[in-house]
Amino acid sequence: MPGPESPTDIDRAKKLSDADQAKVDGFLERGVNSVERKPFRPLRLIFLLMAVVAGFSLLSQGIAQWAGIY
């Protein structure tokens, strides 16, 4: 019964060759991938969406009240 692979065998299998690593590095330095970005913050997006929805709700109620519908 063969034993499980040691972590060094798994790490060795996942390592790219020098040519492949150079291709990956070159791809990451081109185009849209070359721009350094701030980390994505989903909570900020949720709060922004809540503010926009609330703003549109208040705007629509104001327009309805101004038009005499509400």
PDB file of N, CA and C in Angstrom:
ATOM      1  N   MET A   1       0.842  -1.171   0.000  1.00  0.00           N
ATOM      2  CA  MET A   1       0.000   0.000   0.000  1.00  0.00           C
ATOM      3  C   MET A   1       0.894   1.243   0.000  1.00  0.00           C
ATOM      4  N   PRO A   2       0.837   2.032  -1.072  1.00  0.00           N
ATOM      5  CA  PRO A   2       1.686   3.220  -1.131  1.00  0.00           C
ATOM      6  C   PRO A   2       1.163   4.306  -0.200  1.00  0.00           C
ATOM      7  N   GLY A   3       2.091   5.053   0.381  1.00  0.00           N
ATOM      8  CA  GLY A   3       1.732   6.136   1.293  1.00  0.00           C
ATOM      9  C   GLY A   3       1.316   7.380   0.521  1.00  0.00           C
ATOM     10  N   PRO A   4       0.715   8.326   1.207  1.00  0.00           N
ATOM     11  CA  PRO A   4       0.323   9.571   0.533  1.00  0.00           C
ATOM     12  C   PRO A   4       1.559  10.355   0.109  1.00  0.00           C
ATOM     13  N   GLU A   5       1.344  11.170  -0.900  1.00  0.00           N
ATOM     14  CA  GLU A   5       2.466  11.973  -1.388  1.00  0.00           C
ATOM     15  C   GLU A   5       2.882  12.975  -0.322  1.00  0.00           C
ATOM     16  N   SER A   6       4.168  13.197  -0.235  1.00  0.00           N
ATOM     17  CA  SER A   6       4.656  14.182   0.728  1.00  0.00           C
ATOM     18  C   SER A   6       4.422  15.585   0.166  1.00  0.00           C
ATOM     19  N   PRO A   7       4.361  16.592   1.013  1.00  0.00           N
ATOM     20  CA  PRO A   7       4.134  17.964   0.525  1.00  0.00           C
ATOM     21  C   PRO A   7       5.183  18.426  -0.469  1.00  0.00           C
ATOM     22  N   THR A   8       6.411  17.933  -0.329  1.00  0.00           N
ATOM     23  CA  THR A   8       7.447  18.361  -1.269  1.00  0.00           C
ATOM     24  C   THR A   8       7.166  17.823  -2.663  1.00  0.00           C
ATOM     25  N   ASP A   9       6.596  16.621  -2.771  1.00  0.00           N
ATOM     26  CA  ASP A   9       6.248  16.076  -4.080  1.00  0.00           C
ATOM     27  C   ASP A   9       5.131  16.895  -4.725  1.00  0.00           C
ATOM     28  N   ILE A  10       4.155  17.305  -3.931  1.00  0.00           N
ATOM     29  CA  ILE A  10       3.049  18.096  -4.463  1.00  0.00           C
ATOM     30  C   ILE A  10       3.554  19.470  -4.891  1.00  0.00           C
ATOM     31  N   ASP A  11       4.397  20.095  -4.070  1.00  0.00           N
ATOM     32  CA  ASP A  11       4.945  21.403  -4.424  1.00  0.00           C
ATOM     33  C   ASP A  11       5.782  21.316  -5.692  1.00  0.00           C
ATOM     34  N   ARG A  12       6.527  20.245  -5.830  1.00  0.00           N
ATOM     35  CA  ARG A  12       7.364  20.067  -7.009  1.00  0.00           C
ATOM     36  C   ARG A  12       6.497  19.887  -8.249  1.00  0.00           C
ATOM     37  N   ALA A  13       5.375  19.192  -8.123  1.00  0.00           N
ATOM     38  CA  ALA A  13       4.497  18.964  -9.262  1.00  0.00           C
ATOM     39  C   ALA A  13       3.787  20.252  -9.683  1.00  0.00           C
ATOM     40  N   LYS A  14       3.516  21.172  -8.768  1.00  0.00           N
ATOM     41  CA  LYS A  14       2.810  22.406  -9.081  1.00  0.00           C
ATOM     42  C   LYS A  14       3.725  23.494  -9.622  1.00  0.00           C
ATOM     43  N   LYS A  15       5.021  23.359  -9.485  1.00  0.00           N
ATOM     44  CA  LYS A  15       5.952  24.395  -9.915  1.00  0.00           C
ATOM     45  C   LYS A  15       6.017  24.435 -11.436  1.00  0.00           C
ATOM     46  N   LEU A  16       5.983  25.646 -11.984  1.00  0.00           N
ATOM     47  CA  LEU A  16       6.062  25.825 -13.428  1.00  0.00           C
ATOM     48  C   LEU A  16       7.510  25.788 -13.888  1.00  0.00           C
ATOM     49  N   SER A  17       7.678  25.422 -15.138  1.00  0.00           N
ATOM     50  CA  SER A  17       9.022  25.492 -15.707  1.00  0.00           C
ATOM     51  C   SER A  17       9.394  26.966 -15.870  1.00  0.00           C
ATOM     52  N   ASP A  18      10.665  27.234 -16.078  1.00  0.00           N
ATOM     53  CA  ASP A  18      11.119  28.622 -16.207  1.00  0.00           C
ATOM     54  C   ASP A  18      10.470  29.311 -17.407  1.00  0.00           C
ATOM     55  N   ALA A  19      10.310  28.580 -18.512  1.00  0.00           N
ATOM     56  CA  ALA A  19       9.688  29.166 -19.702  1.00  0.00           C
ATOM     57  C   ALA A  19       8.220  29.490 -19.447  1.00  0.00           C
ATOM     58  N   ASP A  20       7.510  28.567 -18.798  1.00  0.00           N
ATOM     59  CA  ASP A  20       6.100  28.818 -18.495  1.00  0.00           C
ATOM     60  C   ASP A  20       5.941  29.957 -17.495  1.00  0.00           C
ATOM     61  N   GLN A  21       6.809  30.017 -16.501  1.00  0.00           N
ATOM     62  CA  GLN A  21       6.736  31.102 -15.520  1.00  0.00           C
ATOM     63  C   GLN A  21       7.018  32.443 -16.190  1.00  0.00           C
ATOM     64  N   ALA A  22       7.935  32.464 -17.160  1.00  0.00           N
ATOM     65  CA  ALA A  22       8.222  33.699 -17.889  1.00  0.00           C
ATOM     66  C   ALA A  22       7.005  34.141 -18.698  1.00  0.00           C
ATOM     67  N   LYS A  23       6.279  33.188 -19.290  1.00  0.00           N
ATOM     68  CA  LYS A  23       5.060  33.524 -20.033  1.00  0.00           C
ATOM     69  C   LYS A  23       4.004  34.107 -19.101  1.00  0.00           C
ATOM     70  N   VAL A  24       3.839  33.501 -17.934  1.00  0.00           N
ATOM     71  CA  VAL A  24       2.857  33.995 -16.961  1.00  0.00           C
ATOM     72  C   VAL A  24       3.240  35.396 -16.498  1.00  0.00           C
ATOM     73  N   ASP A  25       4.498  35.604 -16.171  1.00  0.00           N
ATOM     74  CA  ASP A  25       4.952  36.925 -15.727  1.00  0.00           C
ATOM     75  C   ASP A  25       4.761  37.972 -16.822  1.00  0.00           C
ATOM     76  N   GLY A  26       5.045  37.596 -18.058  1.00  0.00           N
ATOM     77  CA  GLY A  26       4.851  38.520 -19.175  1.00  0.00           C
ATOM     78  C   GLY A  26       3.392  38.879 -19.369  1.00  0.00           C
ATOM     79  N   PHE A  27       2.508  37.905 -19.221  1.00  0.00           N
ATOM     80  CA  PHE A  27       1.075  38.162 -19.359  1.00  0.00           C
ATOM     81  C   PHE A  27       0.578  39.096 -18.260  1.00  0.00           C
ATOM     82  N   LEU A  28       1.074  38.892 -17.048  1.00  0.00           N
ATOM     83  CA  LEU A  28       0.620  39.716 -15.928  1.00  0.00           C
ATOM     84  C   LEU A  28       1.132  41.147 -16.005  1.00  0.00           C
ATOM     85  N   GLU A  29       2.132  41.405 -16.821  1.00  0.00           N
ATOM     86  CA  GLU A  29       2.683  42.750 -16.959  1.00  0.00           C
ATOM     87  C   GLU A  29       2.094  43.502 -18.151  1.00  0.00           C
ATOM     88  N   ARG A  30       1.183  42.862 -18.903  1.00  0.00           N
ATOM     89  CA  ARG A  30       0.613  43.493 -20.091  1.00  0.00           C
ATOM     90  C   ARG A  30      -0.835  43.894 -19.863  1.00  0.00           C
ATOM     91  N   GLY A  31      -1.257  44.921 -20.580  1.00  0.00           N
ATOM     92  CA  GLY A  31      -2.661  45.279 -20.667  1.00  0.00           C
ATOM     93  C   GLY A  31      -3.317  45.572 -19.335  1.00  0.00           C
ATOM     94  N   VAL A  32      -4.523  45.058 -19.193  1.00  0.00           N
ATOM     95  CA  VAL A  32      -5.336  45.362 -18.015  1.00  0.00           C
ATOM     96  C   VAL A  32      -4.735  44.753 -16.752  1.00  0.00           C
ATOM     97  N   ASN A  33      -3.930  43.728 -16.888  1.00  0.00           N
ATOM     98  CA  ASN A  33      -3.336  43.077 -15.723  1.00  0.00           C
ATOM     99  C   ASN A  33      -2.174  43.867 -15.132  1.00  0.00           C
ATOM    100  N   SER A  34      -1.670  44.846 -15.865  1.00  0.00           N
ATOM    101  CA  SER A  34      -0.499  45.581 -15.391  1.00  0.00           C
ATOM    102  C   SER A  34      -0.861  46.697 -14.415  1.00  0.00           C
ATOM    103  N   VAL A  35      -2.143  47.033 -14.304  1.00  0.00           N
ATOM    104  CA  VAL A  35      -2.573  48.132 -13.438  1.00  0.00           C
ATOM    105  C   VAL A  35      -2.749  47.619 -12.017  1.00  0.00           C
ATOM    106  N   GLU A  36      -2.113  48.308 -11.085  1.00  0.00           N
ATOM    107  CA  GLU A  36      -2.260  47.945  -9.672  1.00  0.00           C
ATOM    108  C   GLU A  36      -3.589  48.501  -9.177  1.00  0.00           C
ATOM    109  N   ARG A  37      -4.393  47.660  -8.556  1.00  0.00           N
ATOM    110  CA  ARG A  37      -5.719  48.072  -8.112  1.00  0.00           C
ATOM    111  C   ARG A  37      -5.858  47.947  -6.610  1.00  0.00           C
ATOM    112  N   LYS A  38      -6.798  48.735  -6.067  1.00  0.00           N
ATOM    113  CA  LYS A  38      -7.140  48.606  -4.659  1.00  0.00           C
ATOM    114  C   LYS A  38      -7.935  47.316  -4.480  1.00  0.00           C
ATOM    115  N   PRO A  39      -7.923  46.742  -3.298  1.00  0.00           N
ATOM    116  CA  PRO A  39      -8.701  45.520  -3.080  1.00  0.00           C
ATOM    117  C   PRO A  39     -10.199  45.799  -3.199  1.00  0.00           C
ATOM    118  N   PHE A  40     -10.931  44.804  -3.671  1.00  0.00           N
ATOM    119  CA  PHE A  40     -12.378  44.929  -3.837  1.00  0.00           C
ATOM    120  C   PHE A  40     -13.048  44.931  -2.472  1.00  0.00           C
ATOM    121  N   ARG A  41     -13.963  45.862  -2.266  1.00  0.00           N
ATOM    122  CA  ARG A  41     -14.663  45.974  -0.983  1.00  0.00           C
ATOM    123  C   ARG A  41     -16.158  45.817  -1.225  1.00  0.00           C
ATOM    124  N   PRO A  42     -16.691  44.619  -1.018  1.00  0.00           N
ATOM    125  CA  PRO A  42     -18.110  44.391  -1.316  1.00  0.00           C
ATOM    126  C   PRO A  42     -19.055  45.169  -0.407  1.00  0.00           C
ATOM    127  N   LEU A  43     -18.676  45.418   0.850  1.00  0.00           N
ATOM    128  CA  LEU A  43     -19.565  46.172   1.742  1.00  0.00           C
ATOM    129  C   LEU A  43     -19.759  47.603   1.250  1.00  0.00           C
ATOM    130  N   ARG A  44     -18.716  48.196   0.717  1.00  0.00           N
ATOM    131  CA  ARG A  44     -18.833  49.547   0.167  1.00  0.00           C
ATOM    132  C   ARG A  44     -19.813  49.546  -1.002  1.00  0.00           C
ATOM    133  N   LEU A  45     -19.754  48.529  -1.835  1.00  0.00           N
ATOM    134  CA  LEU A  45     -20.669  48.425  -2.963  1.00  0.00           C
ATOM    135  C   LEU A  45     -22.108  48.255  -2.485  1.00  0.00           C
ATOM    136  N   ILE A  46     -22.319  47.440  -1.456  1.00  0.00           N
ATOM    137  CA  ILE A  46     -23.669  47.233  -0.919  1.00  0.00           C
ATOM    138  C   ILE A  46     -24.227  48.550  -0.381  1.00  0.00           C
ATOM    139  N   PHE A  47     -23.421  49.285   0.396  1.00  0.00           N
ATOM    140  CA  PHE A  47     -23.886  50.566   0.937  1.00  0.00           C
ATOM    141  C   PHE A  47     -24.146  51.582  -0.172  1.00  0.00           C
ATOM    142  N   LEU A  48     -23.325  51.577  -1.202  1.00  0.00           N
ATOM    143  CA  LEU A  48     -23.543  52.474  -2.329  1.00  0.00           C
ATOM    144  C   LEU A  48     -24.858  52.143  -3.028  1.00  0.00           C
ATOM    145  N   LEU A  49     -25.113  50.861  -3.247  1.00  0.00           N
ATOM    146  CA  LEU A  49     -26.368  50.459  -3.880  1.00  0.00           C
ATOM    147  C   LEU A  49     -27.569  50.827  -3.014  1.00  0.00           C
ATOM    148  N   MET A  50     -27.449  50.644  -1.703  1.00  0.00           N
ATOM    149  CA  MET A  50     -28.539  51.020  -0.803  1.00  0.00           C
ATOM    150  C   MET A  50     -28.795  52.527  -0.872  1.00  0.00           C
ATOM    151  N   ALA A  51     -27.746  53.323  -0.922  1.00  0.00           N
ATOM    152  CA  ALA A  51     -27.899  54.774  -1.003  1.00  0.00           C
ATOM    153  C   ALA A  51     -28.547  55.186  -2.323  1.00  0.00           C
ATOM    154  N   VAL A  52     -28.157  54.556  -3.413  1.00  0.00           N
ATOM    155  CA  VAL A  52     -28.737  54.885  -4.717  1.00  0.00           C
ATOM    156  C   VAL A  52     -30.215  54.515  -4.748  1.00  0.00           C
ATOM    157  N   VAL A  53     -30.565  53.337  -4.246  1.00  0.00           N
ATOM    158  CA  VAL A  53     -31.969  52.911  -4.227  1.00  0.00           C
ATOM    159  C   VAL A  53     -32.794  53.840  -3.344  1.00  0.00           C
ATOM    160  N   ALA A  54     -32.263  54.195  -2.176  1.00  0.00           N
ATOM    161  CA  ALA A  54     -32.981  55.116  -1.288  1.00  0.00           C
ATOM    162  C   ALA A  54     -33.145  56.484  -1.951  1.00  0.00           C
ATOM    163  N   GLY A  55     -32.103  56.950  -2.627  1.00  0.00           N
ATOM    164  CA  GLY A  55     -32.184  58.236  -3.322  1.00  0.00           C
ATOM    165  C   GLY A  55     -33.233  58.234  -4.416  1.00  0.00           C
ATOM    166  N   PHE A  56     -33.272  57.178  -5.217  1.00  0.00           N
ATOM    167  CA  PHE A  56     -34.291  57.084  -6.263  1.00  0.00           C
ATOM    168  C   PHE A  56     -35.690  56.970  -5.665  1.00  0.00           C
ATOM    169  N   SER A  57     -35.814  56.283  -4.537  1.00  0.00           N
ATOM    170  CA  SER A  57     -37.120  56.167  -3.878  1.00  0.00           C
ATOM    171  C   SER A  57     -37.609  57.536  -3.417  1.00  0.00           C
ATOM    172  N   LEU A  58     -36.727  58.288  -2.769  1.00  0.00           N
ATOM    173  CA  LEU A  58     -37.110  59.628  -2.323  1.00  0.00           C
ATOM    174  C   LEU A  58     -37.420  60.541  -3.503  1.00  0.00           C
ATOM    175  N   LEU A  59     -36.648  60.431  -4.563  1.00  0.00           N
ATOM    176  CA  LEU A  59     -36.894  61.234  -5.757  1.00  0.00           C
ATOM    177  C   LEU A  59     -38.254  60.905  -6.364  1.00  0.00           C
ATOM    178  N   SER A  60     -38.570  59.627  -6.469  1.00  0.00           N
ATOM    179  CA  SER A  60     -39.853  59.239  -7.062  1.00  0.00           C
ATOM    180  C   SER A  60     -41.020  59.679  -6.187  1.00  0.00           C
ATOM    181  N   GLN A  61     -40.870  59.595  -4.865  1.00  0.00           N
ATOM    182  CA  GLN A  61     -41.936  60.075  -3.978  1.00  0.00           C
ATOM    183  C   GLN A  61     -42.093  61.588  -4.085  1.00  0.00           C
ATOM    184  N   GLY A  62     -40.989  62.293  -4.196  1.00  0.00           N
ATOM    185  CA  GLY A  62     -41.056  63.746  -4.368  1.00  0.00           C
ATOM    186  C   GLY A  62     -41.734  64.134  -5.669  1.00  0.00           C
ATOM    187  N   ILE A  63     -41.425  63.447  -6.745  1.00  0.00           N
ATOM    188  CA  ILE A  63     -42.061  63.731  -8.038  1.00  0.00           C
ATOM    189  C   ILE A  63     -43.550  63.416  -7.975  1.00  0.00           C
ATOM    190  N   ALA A  64     -43.908  62.301  -7.333  1.00  0.00           N
ATOM    191  CA  ALA A  64     -45.319  61.936  -7.213  1.00  0.00           C
ATOM    192  C   ALA A  64     -46.078  62.963  -6.378  1.00  0.00           C
ATOM    193  N   GLN A  65     -45.466  63.440  -5.313  1.00  0.00           N
ATOM    194  CA  GLN A  65     -46.124  64.440  -4.471  1.00  0.00           C
ATOM    195  C   GLN A  65     -46.247  65.768  -5.218  1.00  0.00           C
ATOM    196  N   TRP A  66     -45.229  66.144  -5.952  1.00  0.00           N
ATOM    197  CA  TRP A  66     -45.248  67.378  -6.734  1.00  0.00           C
ATOM    198  C   TRP A  66     -46.324  67.326  -7.822  1.00  0.00           C
ATOM    199  N   ALA A  67     -46.505  66.137  -8.424  1.00  0.00           N
ATOM    200  CA  ALA A  67     -47.501  65.975  -9.479  1.00  0.00           C
ATOM    201  C   ALA A  67     -48.906  65.799  -8.916  1.00  0.00           C
ATOM    202  N   GLY A  68     -49.041  65.655  -7.608  1.00  0.00           N
ATOM    203  CA  GLY A  68     -50.350  65.518  -6.993  1.00  0.00           C
ATOM    204  C   GLY A  68     -50.899  64.109  -7.027  1.00  0.00           C
ATOM    205  N   ILE A  69     -50.062  63.127  -7.294  1.00  0.00           N
ATOM    206  CA  ILE A  69     -50.502  61.736  -7.355  1.00  0.00           C
ATOM    207  C   ILE A  69     -50.483  61.112  -5.978  1.00  0.00           C
ATOM    208  N   TYR A  70     -49.566  61.515  -5.169  1.00  0.00           N
ATOM    209  CA  TYR A  70     -49.358  60.870  -3.857  1.00  0.00           C
ATOM    210  C   TYR A  70     -49.660  61.820  -2.746  1.00  0.00           C
TER     211      TYR A  70
END
